[in-house]
Amino acid sequence: MKQQVDIARALVIRLMLQMNEPFRKLDALTRSKLQRQVLYLWENKRQAVMMITHNVDEAINKSDRFVLVINGLTATIGEIFEVSFSHPRDQPAM
């Protein structure tokens, strides 16, 4: 429920939906439902979304571009990858 409230609060501002590991602590059914909702917002409402995740599948399935961050004393930007899957995304096919 907290994640849903955080997403709703961000949408009120309408600038950019910023999420830090938003689906990490959710059960599988809730995670899937919220991921579909965020993908809908991104694809149909053209809401800008920036999401931090350690889940590579999530990064590929939910983005057009993702950036690897190199850990260390000071985190730096590593490689930037473009995702070539078309929209709307077909999760089973991917």
C-alpha atoms as a PDB file:
ATOM      1  CA  MET A   1       0.000   0.000   0.000  1.00  0.00           C
ATOM      2  CA  LYS A   2       2.849   2.416   0.797  1.00  0.00           C
ATOM      3  CA  GLN A   3       4.280   1.965  -2.715  1.00  0.00           C
ATOM      4  CA  GLN A   4       0.901   2.789  -4.253  1.00  0.00           C
ATOM      5  CA  VAL A   5       0.632   5.946  -2.144  1.00  0.00           C
ATOM      6  CA  ASP A   6       4.175   6.964  -3.118  1.00  0.00           C
ATOM      7  CA  ILE A   7       3.363   6.496  -6.815  1.00  0.00           C
ATOM      8  CA  ALA A   8       0.124   8.474  -6.463  1.00  0.00           C
ATOM      9  CA  ARG A   9       1.939  11.293  -4.646  1.00  0.00           C
ATOM     10  CA  ALA A  10       4.547  11.489  -7.407  1.00  0.00           C
ATOM     11  CA  LEU A  11       1.860  11.629 -10.086  1.00  0.00           C
ATOM     12  CA  VAL A  12       0.289  14.671  -8.462  1.00  0.00           C
ATOM     13  CA  ILE A  13       3.525  16.562  -9.054  1.00  0.00           C
ATOM     14  CA  ARG A  14       3.589  15.265 -12.678  1.00  0.00           C
ATOM     15  CA  LEU A  15       7.239  16.128 -13.334  1.00  0.00           C
ATOM     16  CA  MET A  16       8.913  12.786 -13.006  1.00  0.00           C
ATOM     17  CA  LEU A  17       8.044   9.599 -11.204  1.00  0.00           C
ATOM     18  CA  GLN A  18      11.192   8.731  -9.243  1.00  0.00           C
ATOM     19  CA  MET A  19      11.328   5.305  -7.651  1.00  0.00           C
ATOM     20  CA  ASN A  20      14.056   3.619  -5.634  1.00  0.00           C
ATOM     21  CA  GLU A  21      13.653  -0.182  -5.599  1.00  0.00           C
ATOM     22  CA  PRO A  22       9.830   0.216  -5.629  1.00  0.00           C
ATOM     23  CA  PHE A  23       8.965  -3.465  -6.071  1.00  0.00           C
ATOM     24  CA  ARG A  24      11.690  -5.068  -3.946  1.00  0.00           C
ATOM     25  CA  LYS A  25       9.665  -5.974  -0.836  1.00  0.00           C
ATOM     26  CA  LEU A  26       6.405  -6.900  -2.550  1.00  0.00           C
ATOM     27  CA  ASP A  27       4.885 -10.320  -3.019  1.00  0.00           C
ATOM     28  CA  ALA A  28       4.827 -11.617  -6.606  1.00  0.00           C
ATOM     29  CA  LEU A  29       1.172 -10.775  -7.349  1.00  0.00           C
ATOM     30  CA  THR A  30       1.349  -7.216  -5.993  1.00  0.00           C
ATOM     31  CA  ARG A  31       4.698  -6.645  -7.736  1.00  0.00           C
ATOM     32  CA  SER A  32       3.271  -7.758 -11.078  1.00  0.00           C
ATOM     33  CA  LYS A  33       0.182  -5.551 -10.674  1.00  0.00           C
ATOM     34  CA  LEU A  34       2.190  -2.435  -9.755  1.00  0.00           C
ATOM     35  CA  GLN A  35       4.705  -3.049 -12.548  1.00  0.00           C
ATOM     36  CA  ARG A  36       1.841  -3.183 -15.067  1.00  0.00           C
ATOM     37  CA  GLN A  37       0.395   0.062 -13.642  1.00  0.00           C
ATOM     38  CA  VAL A  38       3.728   1.876 -13.889  1.00  0.00           C
ATOM     39  CA  LEU A  39       4.267   0.559 -17.433  1.00  0.00           C
ATOM     40  CA  TYR A  40       0.767   1.762 -18.367  1.00  0.00           C
ATOM     41  CA  LEU A  41       1.524   5.256 -17.027  1.00  0.00           C
ATOM     42  CA  TRP A  42       4.787   5.355 -18.895  1.00  0.00           C
ATOM     43  CA  GLU A  43       3.430   4.075 -22.228  1.00  0.00           C
ATOM     44  CA  ASN A  44      -0.012   5.715 -22.304  1.00  0.00           C
ATOM     45  CA  LYS A  45       0.279   8.861 -20.211  1.00  0.00           C
ATOM     46  CA  ARG A  46       3.891   9.592 -21.214  1.00  0.00           C
ATOM     47  CA  GLN A  47       4.814  10.074 -17.579  1.00  0.00           C
ATOM     48  CA  ALA A  48       8.594  10.336 -17.184  1.00  0.00           C
ATOM     49  CA  VAL A  49       9.897   7.589 -14.905  1.00  0.00           C
ATOM     50  CA  MET A  50      13.304   7.129 -13.310  1.00  0.00           C
ATOM     51  CA  MET A  51      13.689   3.893 -11.412  1.00  0.00           C
ATOM     52  CA  ILE A  52      16.635   2.589  -9.441  1.00  0.00           C
ATOM     53  CA  THR A  53      16.810  -1.193  -9.360  1.00  0.00           C
ATOM     54  CA  HIS A  54      19.262  -4.034  -8.899  1.00  0.00           C
ATOM     55  CA  ASN A  55      17.007  -6.341 -10.918  1.00  0.00           C
ATOM     56  CA  VAL A  56      18.389  -6.637 -14.478  1.00  0.00           C
ATOM     57  CA  ASP A  57      15.184  -8.208 -15.874  1.00  0.00           C
ATOM     58  CA  GLU A  58      13.174  -5.336 -14.440  1.00  0.00           C
ATOM     59  CA  ALA A  59      15.556  -2.792 -15.975  1.00  0.00           C
ATOM     60  CA  ILE A  60      15.310  -4.376 -19.420  1.00  0.00           C
ATOM     61  CA  ASN A  61      11.542  -4.991 -19.339  1.00  0.00           C
ATOM     62  CA  LYS A  62      10.572  -1.582 -17.999  1.00  0.00           C
ATOM     63  CA  SER A  63      12.864   0.832 -19.824  1.00  0.00           C
ATOM     64  CA  ASP A  64      13.996   2.216 -23.151  1.00  0.00           C
ATOM     65  CA  ARG A  65      17.401   2.988 -21.713  1.00  0.00           C
ATOM     66  CA  PHE A  66      19.230   2.008 -18.566  1.00  0.00           C
ATOM     67  CA  VAL A  67      22.453   3.169 -16.990  1.00  0.00           C
ATOM     68  CA  LEU A  68      24.877   1.033 -15.041  1.00  0.00           C
ATOM     69  CA  VAL A  69      26.343   2.711 -11.993  1.00  0.00           C
ATOM     70  CA  ILE A  70      29.801   1.656 -10.846  1.00  0.00           C
ATOM     71  CA  ASN A  71      30.079   1.378  -7.071  1.00  0.00           C
ATOM     72  CA  GLY A  72      33.043   2.615  -5.131  1.00  0.00           C
ATOM     73  CA  LEU A  73      33.961   5.486  -2.875  1.00  0.00           C
ATOM     74  CA  THR A  74      32.168   7.733  -5.343  1.00  0.00           C
ATOM     75  CA  ALA A  75      29.595   6.127  -7.610  1.00  0.00           C
ATOM     76  CA  THR A  76      30.137   6.874 -11.285  1.00  0.00           C
ATOM     77  CA  ILE A  77      28.147   6.258 -14.442  1.00  0.00           C
ATOM     78  CA  GLY A  78      29.228   3.159 -16.323  1.00  0.00           C
ATOM     79  CA  GLU A  79      27.721   2.012 -19.588  1.00  0.00           C
ATOM     80  CA  ILE A  80      24.409   3.259 -20.981  1.00  0.00           C
ATOM     81  CA  PHE A  81      22.294   0.632 -22.760  1.00  0.00           C
ATOM     82  CA  GLU A  82      19.453   1.200 -25.212  1.00  0.00           C
ATOM     83  CA  VAL A  83      16.601  -1.349 -25.081  1.00  0.00           C
ATOM     84  CA  SER A  84      15.234  -2.175 -28.533  1.00  0.00           C
ATOM     85  CA  PHE A  85      11.909  -3.843 -27.622  1.00  0.00           C
ATOM     86  CA  SER A  86       8.871  -2.130 -29.125  1.00  0.00           C
ATOM     87  CA  HIS A  87       5.873  -0.690 -27.284  1.00  0.00           C
ATOM     88  CA  PRO A  88       3.542  -1.813 -25.886  1.00  0.00           C
ATOM     89  CA  ARG A  89       5.761  -4.400 -24.266  1.00  0.00           C
ATOM     90  CA  ASP A  90       4.691  -8.026 -24.517  1.00  0.00           C
ATOM     91  CA  GLN A  91       6.106  -9.516 -21.291  1.00  0.00           C
ATOM     92  CA  PRO A  92       5.662 -13.220 -22.213  1.00  0.00           C
ATOM     93  CA  ALA A  93       7.288 -12.698 -25.617  1.00  0.00           C
ATOM     94  CA  MET A  94      10.234 -10.860 -24.071  1.00  0.00           C
END
